[in-house]
């Protein structure tokens, strides 16, 4: 399963995530950027810990990540340690370009890890 998901995500710039709304309980889908590393998908919320989807994941950690017709449902783990967040942001900069990441992601105080396996 992990290999199929990795293959589906390899070379893709954007995935869709589906989270559970903390107030409504409804499924909410958002397109987001991501990076693959250490057999996990890593996400950085655009407005950091203020992002609504991040707040939803904090309350209900189940998340679905999908691209190219392949979906992975897994438990999301918030990352709040500055050095780990910075590592993920550096991976984002390598994939999307430092200037682009700095302009689209004004606050990077958190990240999210979604294991592939």
PDB file of N, CA and C in Angstrom:
ATOM      1  N   UNK A   1       0.839  -1.206   0.000  1.00  0.00           N
ATOM      2  CA  UNK A   1       0.000   0.000   0.000  1.00  0.00           C
ATOM      3  C   UNK A   1       0.875   1.258   0.000  1.00  0.00           C
ATOM      4  N   UNK A   2       1.884   1.277   0.870  1.00  0.00           N
ATOM      5  CA  UNK A   2       2.735   2.468   0.973  1.00  0.00           C
ATOM      6  C   UNK A   2       3.409   2.769  -0.365  1.00  0.00           C
ATOM      7  N   UNK A   3       3.869   1.726  -1.071  1.00  0.00           N
ATOM      8  CA  UNK A   3       4.524   1.938  -2.356  1.00  0.00           C
ATOM      9  C   UNK A   3       3.556   2.504  -3.384  1.00  0.00           C
ATOM     10  N   UNK A   4       2.318   2.015  -3.393  1.00  0.00           N
ATOM     11  CA  UNK A   4       1.311   2.510  -4.342  1.00  0.00           C
ATOM     12  C   UNK A   4       1.016   3.983  -4.085  1.00  0.00           C
ATOM     13  N   UNK A   5       0.905   4.357  -2.824  1.00  0.00           N
ATOM     14  CA  UNK A   5       0.638   5.754  -2.478  1.00  0.00           C
ATOM     15  C   UNK A   5       1.845   6.611  -2.842  1.00  0.00           C
ATOM     16  N   UNK A   6       3.048   6.150  -2.500  1.00  0.00           N
ATOM     17  CA  UNK A   6       4.270   6.892  -2.830  1.00  0.00           C
ATOM     18  C   UNK A   6       4.338   7.122  -4.338  1.00  0.00           C
ATOM     19  N   UNK A   7       4.069   6.060  -5.127  1.00  0.00           N
ATOM     20  CA  UNK A   7       4.110   6.181  -6.588  1.00  0.00           C
ATOM     21  C   UNK A   7       3.062   7.177  -7.091  1.00  0.00           C
ATOM     22  N   UNK A   8       1.869   7.163  -6.498  1.00  0.00           N
ATOM     23  CA  UNK A   8       0.802   8.075  -6.915  1.00  0.00           C
ATOM     24  C   UNK A   8       1.159   9.527  -6.602  1.00  0.00           C
ATOM     25  N   UNK A   9       1.915   9.745  -5.523  1.00  0.00           N
ATOM     26  CA  UNK A   9       2.254  11.102  -5.094  1.00  0.00           C
ATOM     27  C   UNK A   9       3.566  11.607  -5.695  1.00  0.00           C
ATOM     28  N   UNK A  10       4.409  10.701  -6.140  1.00  0.00           N
ATOM     29  CA  UNK A  10       5.719  11.085  -6.668  1.00  0.00           C
ATOM     30  C   UNK A  10       5.543  11.951  -7.911  1.00  0.00           C
ATOM     31  N   UNK A  11       6.119  13.130  -7.897  1.00  0.00           N
ATOM     32  CA  UNK A  11       6.043  14.038  -9.025  1.00  0.00           C
ATOM     33  C   UNK A  11       4.809  14.929  -9.030  1.00  0.00           C
ATOM     34  N   UNK A  12       3.912  14.754  -8.062  1.00  0.00           N
ATOM     35  CA  UNK A  12       2.694  15.563  -7.968  1.00  0.00           C
ATOM     36  C   UNK A  12       3.002  16.816  -7.148  1.00  0.00           C
ATOM     37  N   UNK A  13       2.436  17.955  -7.549  1.00  0.00           N
ATOM     38  CA  UNK A  13       2.679  19.214  -6.821  1.00  0.00           C
ATOM     39  C   UNK A  13       1.649  19.466  -5.730  1.00  0.00           C
ATOM     40  N   UNK A  14       0.467  18.880  -5.871  1.00  0.00           N
ATOM     41  CA  UNK A  14      -0.620  19.196  -4.952  1.00  0.00           C
ATOM     42  C   UNK A  14      -1.450  17.947  -4.694  1.00  0.00           C
ATOM     43  N   UNK A  15      -1.905  17.785  -3.459  1.00  0.00           N
ATOM     44  CA  UNK A  15      -2.824  16.705  -3.110  1.00  0.00           C
ATOM     45  C   UNK A  15      -4.087  17.315  -2.521  1.00  0.00           C
ATOM     46  N   UNK A  16      -5.101  16.494  -2.393  1.00  0.00           N
ATOM     47  CA  UNK A  16      -6.293  16.921  -1.667  1.00  0.00           C
ATOM     48  C   UNK A  16      -6.282  16.221  -0.326  1.00  0.00           C
ATOM     49  N   UNK A  17      -6.552  16.993   0.715  1.00  0.00           N
ATOM     50  CA  UNK A  17      -6.711  16.398   2.032  1.00  0.00           C
ATOM     51  C   UNK A  17      -8.173  16.539   2.436  1.00  0.00           C
ATOM     52  N   UNK A  18      -8.650  15.556   3.155  1.00  0.00           N
ATOM     53  CA  UNK A  18     -10.006  15.598   3.692  1.00  0.00           C
ATOM     54  C   UNK A  18      -9.902  15.413   5.194  1.00  0.00           C
ATOM     55  N   UNK A  19     -10.462  16.369   5.919  1.00  0.00           N
ATOM     56  CA  UNK A  19     -10.449  16.355   7.377  1.00  0.00           C
ATOM     57  C   UNK A  19     -11.885  16.474   7.882  1.00  0.00           C
ATOM     58  N   UNK A  20     -12.062  16.190   9.164  1.00  0.00           N
ATOM     59  CA  UNK A  20     -13.378  16.297   9.786  1.00  0.00           C
ATOM     60  C   UNK A  20     -13.496  17.646  10.478  1.00  0.00           C
ATOM     61  N   UNK A  21     -14.530  18.408  10.128  1.00  0.00           N
ATOM     62  CA  UNK A  21     -14.755  19.715  10.745  1.00  0.00           C
ATOM     63  C   UNK A  21     -14.995  19.579  12.243  1.00  0.00           C
ATOM     64  N   UNK A  22     -14.297  20.370  13.020  1.00  0.00           N
ATOM     65  CA  UNK A  22     -14.387  20.240  14.477  1.00  0.00           C
ATOM     66  C   UNK A  22     -15.716  20.741  15.028  1.00  0.00           C
ATOM     67  N   UNK A  23     -16.392  21.610  14.318  1.00  0.00           N
ATOM     68  CA  UNK A  23     -17.699  22.104  14.773  1.00  0.00           C
ATOM     69  C   UNK A  23     -18.850  21.366  14.111  1.00  0.00           C
ATOM     70  N   UNK A  24     -18.707  21.106  12.798  1.00  0.00           N
ATOM     71  CA  UNK A  24     -19.817  20.523  12.030  1.00  0.00           C
ATOM     72  C   UNK A  24     -19.767  19.006  11.959  1.00  0.00           C
ATOM     73  N   UNK A  25     -18.581  18.430  12.094  1.00  0.00           N
ATOM     74  CA  UNK A  25     -18.433  16.991  11.930  1.00  0.00           C
ATOM     75  C   UNK A  25     -18.457  16.568  10.464  1.00  0.00           C
ATOM     76  N   UNK A  26     -18.561  17.535   9.548  1.00  0.00           N
ATOM     77  CA  UNK A  26     -18.599  17.236   8.122  1.00  0.00           C
ATOM     78  C   UNK A  26     -17.197  17.025   7.579  1.00  0.00           C
ATOM     79  N   UNK A  27     -17.128  16.294   6.471  1.00  0.00           N
ATOM     80  CA  UNK A  27     -15.857  16.099   5.778  1.00  0.00           C
ATOM     81  C   UNK A  27     -15.562  17.342   4.938  1.00  0.00           C
ATOM     82  N   UNK A  28     -14.360  17.880   5.085  1.00  0.00           N
ATOM     83  CA  UNK A  28     -13.948  19.098   4.385  1.00  0.00           C
ATOM     84  C   UNK A  28     -12.689  18.774   3.595  1.00  0.00           C
ATOM     85  N   UNK A  29     -12.708  19.109   2.304  1.00  0.00           N
ATOM     86  CA  UNK A  29     -11.579  18.797   1.428  1.00  0.00           C
ATOM     87  C   UNK A  29     -10.893  20.091   0.990  1.00  0.00           C
ATOM     88  N   UNK A  30      -9.554  20.054   1.018  1.00  0.00           N
ATOM     89  CA  UNK A  30      -8.729  21.207   0.624  1.00  0.00           C
ATOM     90  C   UNK A  30      -7.592  20.736  -0.265  1.00  0.00           C
ATOM     91  N   UNK A  31      -7.229  21.505  -1.291  1.00  0.00           N
ATOM     92  CA  UNK A  31      -5.994  21.215  -2.016  1.00  0.00           C
ATOM     93  C   UNK A  31      -4.821  21.810  -1.231  1.00  0.00           C
ATOM     94  N   UNK A  32      -3.744  21.053  -1.095  1.00  0.00           N
ATOM     95  CA  UNK A  32      -2.575  21.531  -0.346  1.00  0.00           C
ATOM     96  C   UNK A  32      -1.289  21.049  -1.021  1.00  0.00           C
ATOM     97  N   UNK A  33      -0.214  21.750  -0.725  1.00  0.00           N
ATOM     98  CA  UNK A  33       1.111  21.297  -1.124  1.00  0.00           C
ATOM     99  C   UNK A  33       1.618  20.309  -0.086  1.00  0.00           C
ATOM    100  N   UNK A  34       2.594  19.501  -0.475  1.00  0.00           N
ATOM    101  CA  UNK A  34       3.107  18.465   0.413  1.00  0.00           C
ATOM    102  C   UNK A  34       4.522  18.096  -0.015  1.00  0.00           C
ATOM    103  N   UNK A  35       5.201  17.371   0.855  1.00  0.00           N
ATOM    104  CA  UNK A  35       6.469  16.733   0.501  1.00  0.00           C
ATOM    105  C   UNK A  35       6.440  15.299   1.027  1.00  0.00           C
ATOM    106  N   UNK A  36       7.205  14.449   0.368  1.00  0.00           N
ATOM    107  CA  UNK A  36       7.384  13.071   0.797  1.00  0.00           C
ATOM    108  C   UNK A  36       8.764  12.939   1.420  1.00  0.00           C
ATOM    109  N   UNK A  37       8.825  12.297   2.576  1.00  0.00           N
ATOM    110  CA  UNK A  37      10.100  12.065   3.244  1.00  0.00           C
ATOM    111  C   UNK A  37       9.880  11.001   4.310  1.00  0.00           C
ATOM    112  N   UNK A  38      10.855  10.116   4.491  1.00  0.00           N
ATOM    113  CA  UNK A  38      10.800   9.127   5.574  1.00  0.00           C
ATOM    114  C   UNK A  38       9.507   8.315   5.570  1.00  0.00           C
ATOM    115  N   UNK A  39       9.050   7.870   4.413  1.00  0.00           N
ATOM    116  CA  UNK A  39       7.809   7.088   4.293  1.00  0.00           C
ATOM    117  C   UNK A  39       6.597   7.797   4.880  1.00  0.00           C
ATOM    118  N   UNK A  40       6.584   9.110   4.760  1.00  0.00           N
ATOM    119  CA  UNK A  40       5.451   9.909   5.236  1.00  0.00           C
ATOM    120  C   UNK A  40       5.181  11.054   4.264  1.00  0.00           C
ATOM    121  N   UNK A  41       3.953  11.537   4.337  1.00  0.00           N
ATOM    122  CA  UNK A  41       3.569  12.772   3.671  1.00  0.00           C
ATOM    123  C   UNK A  41       3.666  13.858   4.731  1.00  0.00           C
ATOM    124  N   UNK A  42       4.320  14.964   4.406  1.00  0.00           N
ATOM    125  CA  UNK A  42       4.413  16.088   5.337  1.00  0.00           C
ATOM    126  C   UNK A  42       3.674  17.278   4.748  1.00  0.00           C
ATOM    127  N   UNK A  43       2.899  17.936   5.592  1.00  0.00           N
ATOM    128  CA  UNK A  43       2.096  19.084   5.196  1.00  0.00           C
ATOM    129  C   UNK A  43       2.471  20.275   6.061  1.00  0.00           C
ATOM    130  N   UNK A  44       2.399  21.470   5.484  1.00  0.00           N
ATOM    131  CA  UNK A  44       2.592  22.702   6.245  1.00  0.00           C
ATOM    132  C   UNK A  44       1.351  23.562   6.004  1.00  0.00           C
ATOM    133  N   UNK A  45       0.592  23.868   7.065  1.00  0.00           N
ATOM    134  CA  UNK A  45      -0.577  24.729   6.879  1.00  0.00           C
ATOM    135  C   UNK A  45      -0.137  26.139   6.473  1.00  0.00           C
ATOM    136  N   UNK A  46      -0.845  26.724   5.512  1.00  0.00           N
ATOM    137  CA  UNK A  46      -0.459  28.026   4.977  1.00  0.00           C
ATOM    138  C   UNK A  46      -0.348  29.075   6.078  1.00  0.00           C
ATOM    139  N   UNK A  47      -1.309  29.124   6.986  1.00  0.00           N
ATOM    140  CA  UNK A  47      -1.263  30.103   8.075  1.00  0.00           C
ATOM    141  C   UNK A  47      -0.874  29.441   9.398  1.00  0.00           C
ATOM    142  N   UNK A  48      -0.082  28.382   9.289  1.00  0.00           N
ATOM    143  CA  UNK A  48       0.438  27.727  10.476  1.00  0.00           C
ATOM    144  C   UNK A  48      -0.662  27.224  11.399  1.00  0.00           C
ATOM    145  N   UNK A  49      -0.442  27.390  12.687  1.00  0.00           N
ATOM    146  CA  UNK A  49      -1.384  26.878  13.683  1.00  0.00           C
ATOM    147  C   UNK A  49      -2.727  27.596  13.645  1.00  0.00           C
ATOM    148  N   UNK A  50      -2.836  28.677  12.875  1.00  0.00           N
ATOM    149  CA  UNK A  50      -4.116  29.378  12.718  1.00  0.00           C
ATOM    150  C   UNK A  50      -4.985  28.776  11.614  1.00  0.00           C
ATOM    151  N   UNK A  51      -4.422  27.875  10.798  1.00  0.00           N
ATOM    152  CA  UNK A  51      -5.174  27.276   9.689  1.00  0.00           C
ATOM    153  C   UNK A  51      -6.330  26.432  10.222  1.00  0.00           C
ATOM    154  N   UNK A  52      -7.482  26.582   9.589  1.00  0.00           N
ATOM    155  CA  UNK A  52      -8.661  25.842  10.035  1.00  0.00           C
ATOM    156  C   UNK A  52      -8.482  24.334   9.892  1.00  0.00           C
ATOM    157  N   UNK A  53      -7.898  23.880   8.769  1.00  0.00           N
ATOM    158  CA  UNK A  53      -7.758  22.433   8.618  1.00  0.00           C
ATOM    159  C   UNK A  53      -6.796  21.869   9.659  1.00  0.00           C
ATOM    160  N   UNK A  54      -5.795  22.656  10.053  1.00  0.00           N
ATOM    161  CA  UNK A  54      -4.869  22.201  11.100  1.00  0.00           C
ATOM    162  C   UNK A  54      -5.613  22.072  12.430  1.00  0.00           C
ATOM    163  N   UNK A  55      -6.448  23.054  12.752  1.00  0.00           N
ATOM    164  CA  UNK A  55      -7.236  22.985  13.988  1.00  0.00           C
ATOM    165  C   UNK A  55      -8.159  21.774  13.965  1.00  0.00           C
ATOM    166  N   UNK A  56      -8.710  21.467  12.792  1.00  0.00           N
ATOM    167  CA  UNK A  56      -9.571  20.284  12.677  1.00  0.00           C
ATOM    168  C   UNK A  56      -8.790  18.999  12.919  1.00  0.00           C
ATOM    169  N   UNK A  57      -7.582  18.914  12.366  1.00  0.00           N
ATOM    170  CA  UNK A  57      -6.732  17.731  12.550  1.00  0.00           C
ATOM    171  C   UNK A  57      -6.337  17.574  14.012  1.00  0.00           C
ATOM    172  N   UNK A  58      -6.118  18.693  14.697  1.00  0.00           N
ATOM    173  CA  UNK A  58      -5.774  18.622  16.132  1.00  0.00           C
ATOM    174  C   UNK A  58      -6.908  17.956  16.914  1.00  0.00           C
ATOM    175  N   UNK A  59      -8.138  18.228  16.523  1.00  0.00           N
ATOM    176  CA  UNK A  59      -9.289  17.659  17.241  1.00  0.00           C
ATOM    177  C   UNK A  59      -9.591  16.228  16.786  1.00  0.00           C
ATOM    178  N   UNK A  60      -9.564  16.000  15.476  1.00  0.00           N
ATOM    179  CA  UNK A  60      -9.831  14.673  14.925  1.00  0.00           C
ATOM    180  C   UNK A  60      -8.685  14.337  13.980  1.00  0.00           C
ATOM    181  N   UNK A  61      -7.713  13.541  14.447  1.00  0.00           N
ATOM    182  CA  UNK A  61      -6.480  13.355  13.682  1.00  0.00           C
ATOM    183  C   UNK A  61      -6.594  12.492  12.425  1.00  0.00           C
ATOM    184  N   UNK A  62      -7.737  11.902  12.142  1.00  0.00           N
ATOM    185  CA  UNK A  62      -7.854  11.118  10.908  1.00  0.00           C
ATOM    186  C   UNK A  62      -7.890  12.065   9.708  1.00  0.00           C
ATOM    187  N   UNK A  63      -7.113  11.717   8.689  1.00  0.00           N
ATOM    188  CA  UNK A  63      -7.003  12.555   7.492  1.00  0.00           C
ATOM    189  C   UNK A  63      -6.934  11.632   6.280  1.00  0.00           C
ATOM    190  N   UNK A  64      -7.483  12.106   5.178  1.00  0.00           N
ATOM    191  CA  UNK A  64      -7.328  11.389   3.917  1.00  0.00           C
ATOM    192  C   UNK A  64      -6.500  12.261   2.987  1.00  0.00           C
ATOM    193  N   UNK A  65      -5.506  11.652   2.373  1.00  0.00           N
ATOM    194  CA  UNK A  65      -4.657  12.328   1.398  1.00  0.00           C
ATOM    195  C   UNK A  65      -4.889  11.619   0.065  1.00  0.00           C
ATOM    196  N   UNK A  66      -5.228  12.392  -0.978  1.00  0.00           N
ATOM    197  CA  UNK A  66      -5.501  11.744  -2.263  1.00  0.00           C
ATOM    198  C   UNK A  66      -4.882  12.512  -3.427  1.00  0.00           C
ATOM    199  N   UNK A  67      -4.490  11.724  -4.446  1.00  0.00           N
ATOM    200  CA  UNK A  67      -3.957  12.265  -5.694  1.00  0.00           C
ATOM    201  C   UNK A  67      -3.981  11.158  -6.728  1.00  0.00           C
ATOM    202  N   UNK A  68      -4.230  11.522  -7.969  1.00  0.00           N
ATOM    203  CA  UNK A  68      -4.186  10.552  -9.078  1.00  0.00           C
ATOM    204  C   UNK A  68      -5.044   9.321  -8.839  1.00  0.00           C
ATOM    205  N   UNK A  69      -6.199   9.494  -8.182  1.00  0.00           N
ATOM    206  CA  UNK A  69      -7.102   8.380  -7.961  1.00  0.00           C
ATOM    207  C   UNK A  69      -6.706   7.449  -6.837  1.00  0.00           C
ATOM    208  N   UNK A  70      -5.641   7.770  -6.135  1.00  0.00           N
ATOM    209  CA  UNK A  70      -5.196   6.958  -5.003  1.00  0.00           C
ATOM    210  C   UNK A  70      -5.401   7.756  -3.727  1.00  0.00           C
ATOM    211  N   UNK A  71      -5.990   7.111  -2.719  1.00  0.00           N
ATOM    212  CA  UNK A  71      -6.248   7.789  -1.451  1.00  0.00           C
ATOM    213  C   UNK A  71      -5.657   6.986  -0.294  1.00  0.00           C
ATOM    214  N   UNK A  72      -5.193   7.719   0.690  1.00  0.00           N
ATOM    215  CA  UNK A  72      -4.642   7.138   1.908  1.00  0.00           C
ATOM    216  C   UNK A  72      -5.377   7.751   3.088  1.00  0.00           C
ATOM    217  N   UNK A  73      -5.971   6.906   3.920  1.00  0.00           N
ATOM    218  CA  UNK A  73      -6.554   7.387   5.171  1.00  0.00           C
ATOM    219  C   UNK A  73      -5.618   6.966   6.291  1.00  0.00           C
ATOM    220  N   UNK A  74      -5.259   7.919   7.124  1.00  0.00           N
ATOM    221  CA  UNK A  74      -4.292   7.643   8.177  1.00  0.00           C
ATOM    222  C   UNK A  74      -4.480   8.643   9.304  1.00  0.00           C
ATOM    223  N   UNK A  75      -3.757   8.406  10.362  1.00  0.00           N
ATOM    224  CA  UNK A  75      -3.775   9.330  11.491  1.00  0.00           C
ATOM    225  C   UNK A  75      -2.690  10.377  11.285  1.00  0.00           C
ATOM    226  N   UNK A  76      -3.063  11.642  11.410  1.00  0.00           N
ATOM    227  CA  UNK A  76      -2.118  12.746  11.242  1.00  0.00           C
ATOM    228  C   UNK A  76      -1.500  13.093  12.589  1.00  0.00           C
ATOM    229  N   UNK A  77      -0.208  13.355  12.580  1.00  0.00           N
ATOM    230  CA  UNK A  77       0.498  13.745  13.791  1.00  0.00           C
ATOM    231  C   UNK A  77       0.987  15.175  13.652  1.00  0.00           C
ATOM    232  N   UNK A  78       0.454  16.099  14.461  1.00  0.00           N
ATOM    233  CA  UNK A  78       0.965  17.475  14.425  1.00  0.00           C
ATOM    234  C   UNK A  78       2.422  17.526  14.883  1.00  0.00           C
ATOM    235  N   UNK A  79       3.203  18.356  14.229  1.00  0.00           N
ATOM    236  CA  UNK A  79       4.604  18.572  14.595  1.00  0.00           C
ATOM    237  C   UNK A  79       4.719  20.017  15.076  1.00  0.00           C
ATOM    238  N   UNK A  80       5.184  20.190  16.302  1.00  0.00           N
ATOM    239  CA  UNK A  80       5.305  21.535  16.858  1.00  0.00           C
ATOM    240  C   UNK A  80       6.731  21.886  17.249  1.00  0.00           C
ATOM    241  N   UNK A  81       7.646  20.897  17.257  1.00  0.00           N
ATOM    242  CA  UNK A  81       9.029  21.174  17.611  1.00  0.00           C
ATOM    243  C   UNK A  81       9.665  21.998  16.491  1.00  0.00           C
ATOM    244  N   UNK A  82      10.251  23.125  16.840  1.00  0.00           N
ATOM    245  CA  UNK A  82      10.763  24.082  15.854  1.00  0.00           C
ATOM    246  C   UNK A  82      11.749  23.454  14.869  1.00  0.00           C
ATOM    247  N   UNK A  83      12.665  22.608  15.347  1.00  0.00           N
ATOM    248  CA  UNK A  83      13.660  22.040  14.438  1.00  0.00           C
ATOM    249  C   UNK A  83      13.030  21.091  13.431  1.00  0.00           C
ATOM    250  N   UNK A  84      12.031  20.326  13.845  1.00  0.00           N
ATOM    251  CA  UNK A  84      11.336  19.421  12.906  1.00  0.00           C
ATOM    252  C   UNK A  84      10.495  20.217  11.919  1.00  0.00           C
ATOM    253  N   UNK A  85       9.798  21.257  12.392  1.00  0.00           N
ATOM    254  CA  UNK A  85       9.011  22.112  11.501  1.00  0.00           C
ATOM    255  C   UNK A  85       9.938  22.749  10.471  1.00  0.00           C
ATOM    256  N   UNK A  86      11.065  23.267  10.920  1.00  0.00           N
ATOM    257  CA  UNK A  86      12.022  23.901  10.009  1.00  0.00           C
ATOM    258  C   UNK A  86      12.533  22.924   8.957  1.00  0.00           C
ATOM    259  N   UNK A  87      12.750  21.666   9.356  1.00  0.00           N
ATOM    260  CA  UNK A  87      13.198  20.642   8.407  1.00  0.00           C
ATOM    261  C   UNK A  87      12.144  20.454   7.309  1.00  0.00           C
ATOM    262  N   UNK A  88      10.873  20.357   7.700  1.00  0.00           N
ATOM    263  CA  UNK A  88       9.797  20.192   6.719  1.00  0.00           C
ATOM    264  C   UNK A  88       9.697  21.427   5.818  1.00  0.00           C
ATOM    265  N   UNK A  89       9.821  22.609   6.399  1.00  0.00           N
ATOM    266  CA  UNK A  89       9.764  23.851   5.603  1.00  0.00           C
ATOM    267  C   UNK A  89      10.923  23.872   4.597  1.00  0.00           C
ATOM    268  N   UNK A  90      12.096  23.418   5.005  1.00  0.00           N
ATOM    269  CA  UNK A  90      13.232  23.354   4.079  1.00  0.00           C
ATOM    270  C   UNK A  90      12.951  22.384   2.928  1.00  0.00           C
ATOM    271  N   UNK A  91      12.274  21.263   3.218  1.00  0.00           N
ATOM    272  CA  UNK A  91      11.882  20.331   2.157  1.00  0.00           C
ATOM    273  C   UNK A  91      10.899  21.004   1.197  1.00  0.00           C
ATOM    274  N   UNK A  92       9.970  21.788   1.750  1.00  0.00           N
ATOM    275  CA  UNK A  92       9.022  22.542   0.923  1.00  0.00           C
ATOM    276  C   UNK A  92       9.778  23.522   0.021  1.00  0.00           C
ATOM    277  N   UNK A  93      10.751  24.223   0.592  1.00  0.00           N
ATOM    278  CA  UNK A  93      11.524  25.191  -0.191  1.00  0.00           C
ATOM    279  C   UNK A  93      12.273  24.498  -1.326  1.00  0.00           C
ATOM    280  N   UNK A  94      12.814  23.304  -1.053  1.00  0.00           N
ATOM    281  CA  UNK A  94      13.535  22.564  -2.084  1.00  0.00           C
ATOM    282  C   UNK A  94      12.597  22.137  -3.205  1.00  0.00           C
ATOM    283  N   UNK A  95      11.365  21.791  -2.875  1.00  0.00           N
ATOM    284  CA  UNK A  95      10.408  21.321  -3.883  1.00  0.00           C
ATOM    285  C   UNK A  95       9.748  22.470  -4.645  1.00  0.00           C
ATOM    286  N   UNK A  96       9.329  23.505  -3.929  1.00  0.00           N
ATOM    287  CA  UNK A  96       8.512  24.565  -4.522  1.00  0.00           C
ATOM    288  C   UNK A  96       9.254  25.882  -4.758  1.00  0.00           C
ATOM    289  N   UNK A  97      10.462  26.007  -4.204  1.00  0.00           N
ATOM    290  CA  UNK A  97      11.226  27.248  -4.321  1.00  0.00           C
ATOM    291  C   UNK A  97      11.109  28.079  -3.062  1.00  0.00           C
ATOM    292  N   UNK A  98      12.232  28.567  -2.574  1.00  0.00           N
ATOM    293  CA  UNK A  98      12.261  29.300  -1.304  1.00  0.00           C
ATOM    294  C   UNK A  98      11.388  30.550  -1.341  1.00  0.00           C
ATOM    295  N   UNK A  99      11.476  31.331  -2.402  1.00  0.00           N
ATOM    296  CA  UNK A  99      10.689  32.568  -2.485  1.00  0.00           C
ATOM    297  C   UNK A  99       9.195  32.273  -2.488  1.00  0.00           C
ATOM    298  N   UNK A 100       8.801  31.244  -3.221  1.00  0.00           N
ATOM    299  CA  UNK A 100       7.388  30.879  -3.290  1.00  0.00           C
ATOM    300  C   UNK A 100       6.872  30.447  -1.919  1.00  0.00           C
ATOM    301  N   UNK A 101       7.630  29.609  -1.238  1.00  0.00           N
ATOM    302  CA  UNK A 101       7.211  29.139   0.088  1.00  0.00           C
ATOM    303  C   UNK A 101       7.127  30.311   1.060  1.00  0.00           C
ATOM    304  N   UNK A 102       8.107  31.192   1.026  1.00  0.00           N
ATOM    305  CA  UNK A 102       8.084  32.349   1.932  1.00  0.00           C
ATOM    306  C   UNK A 102       6.886  33.254   1.651  1.00  0.00           C
ATOM    307  N   UNK A 103       6.503  33.400   0.377  1.00  0.00           N
ATOM    308  CA  UNK A 103       5.385  34.292   0.072  1.00  0.00           C
ATOM    309  C   UNK A 103       4.032  33.660   0.385  1.00  0.00           C
ATOM    310  N   UNK A 104       3.902  32.339   0.187  1.00  0.00           N
ATOM    311  CA  UNK A 104       2.615  31.674   0.435  1.00  0.00           C
ATOM    312  C   UNK A 104       2.444  31.205   1.871  1.00  0.00           C
ATOM    313  N   UNK A 105       3.534  30.994   2.583  1.00  0.00           N
ATOM    314  CA  UNK A 105       3.485  30.457   3.942  1.00  0.00           C
ATOM    315  C   UNK A 105       4.085  31.472   4.915  1.00  0.00           C
ATOM    316  N   UNK A 106       3.314  32.495   5.300  1.00  0.00           N
ATOM    317  CA  UNK A 106       3.860  33.545   6.158  1.00  0.00           C
ATOM    318  C   UNK A 106       4.179  33.066   7.576  1.00  0.00           C
ATOM    319  N   UNK A 107       3.503  32.020   8.019  1.00  0.00           N
ATOM    320  CA  UNK A 107       3.701  31.531   9.390  1.00  0.00           C
ATOM    321  C   UNK A 107       3.952  30.032   9.325  1.00  0.00           C
ATOM    322  N   UNK A 108       5.160  29.624   9.707  1.00  0.00           N
ATOM    323  CA  UNK A 108       5.413  28.194   9.751  1.00  0.00           C
ATOM    324  C   UNK A 108       5.871  27.785  11.136  1.00  0.00           C
ATOM    325  N   UNK A 109       4.867  27.644  12.014  1.00  0.00           N
ATOM    326  CA  UNK A 109       5.146  27.232  13.392  1.00  0.00           C
ATOM    327  C   UNK A 109       4.747  25.773  13.637  1.00  0.00           C
ATOM    328  N   UNK A 110       4.078  25.141  12.667  1.00  0.00           N
ATOM    329  CA  UNK A 110       3.664  23.746  12.807  1.00  0.00           C
ATOM    330  C   UNK A 110       3.754  23.063  11.453  1.00  0.00           C
ATOM    331  N   UNK A 111       3.744  21.741  11.501  1.00  0.00           N
ATOM    332  CA  UNK A 111       3.649  20.909  10.300  1.00  0.00           C
ATOM    333  C   UNK A 111       2.829  19.685  10.710  1.00  0.00           C
ATOM    334  N   UNK A 112       2.527  18.837   9.735  1.00  0.00           N
ATOM    335  CA  UNK A 112       1.752  17.641  10.000  1.00  0.00           C
ATOM    336  C   UNK A 112       2.401  16.471   9.273  1.00  0.00           C
ATOM    337  N   UNK A 113       2.517  15.339   9.974  1.00  0.00           N
ATOM    338  CA  UNK A 113       3.068  14.122   9.382  1.00  0.00           C
ATOM    339  C   UNK A 113       1.955  13.104   9.211  1.00  0.00           C
ATOM    340  N   UNK A 114       1.873  12.521   8.018  1.00  0.00           N
ATOM    341  CA  UNK A 114       0.912  11.462   7.731  1.00  0.00           C
ATOM    342  C   UNK A 114       1.693  10.253   7.225  1.00  0.00           C
ATOM    343  N   UNK A 115       1.808   9.205   8.054  1.00  0.00           N
ATOM    344  CA  UNK A 115       2.588   8.032   7.634  1.00  0.00           C
ATOM    345  C   UNK A 115       1.940   7.311   6.459  1.00  0.00           C
ATOM    346  N   UNK A 116       2.759   6.805   5.544  1.00  0.00           N
ATOM    347  CA  UNK A 116       2.246   6.100   4.373  1.00  0.00           C
ATOM    348  C   UNK A 116       1.860   4.659   4.679  1.00  0.00           C
ATOM    349  N   UNK A 117       2.463   4.079   5.696  1.00  0.00           N
ATOM    350  CA  UNK A 117       2.216   2.656   5.940  1.00  0.00           C
ATOM    351  C   UNK A 117       1.312   2.368   7.087  1.00  0.00           C
TER     352      UNK A 117
END
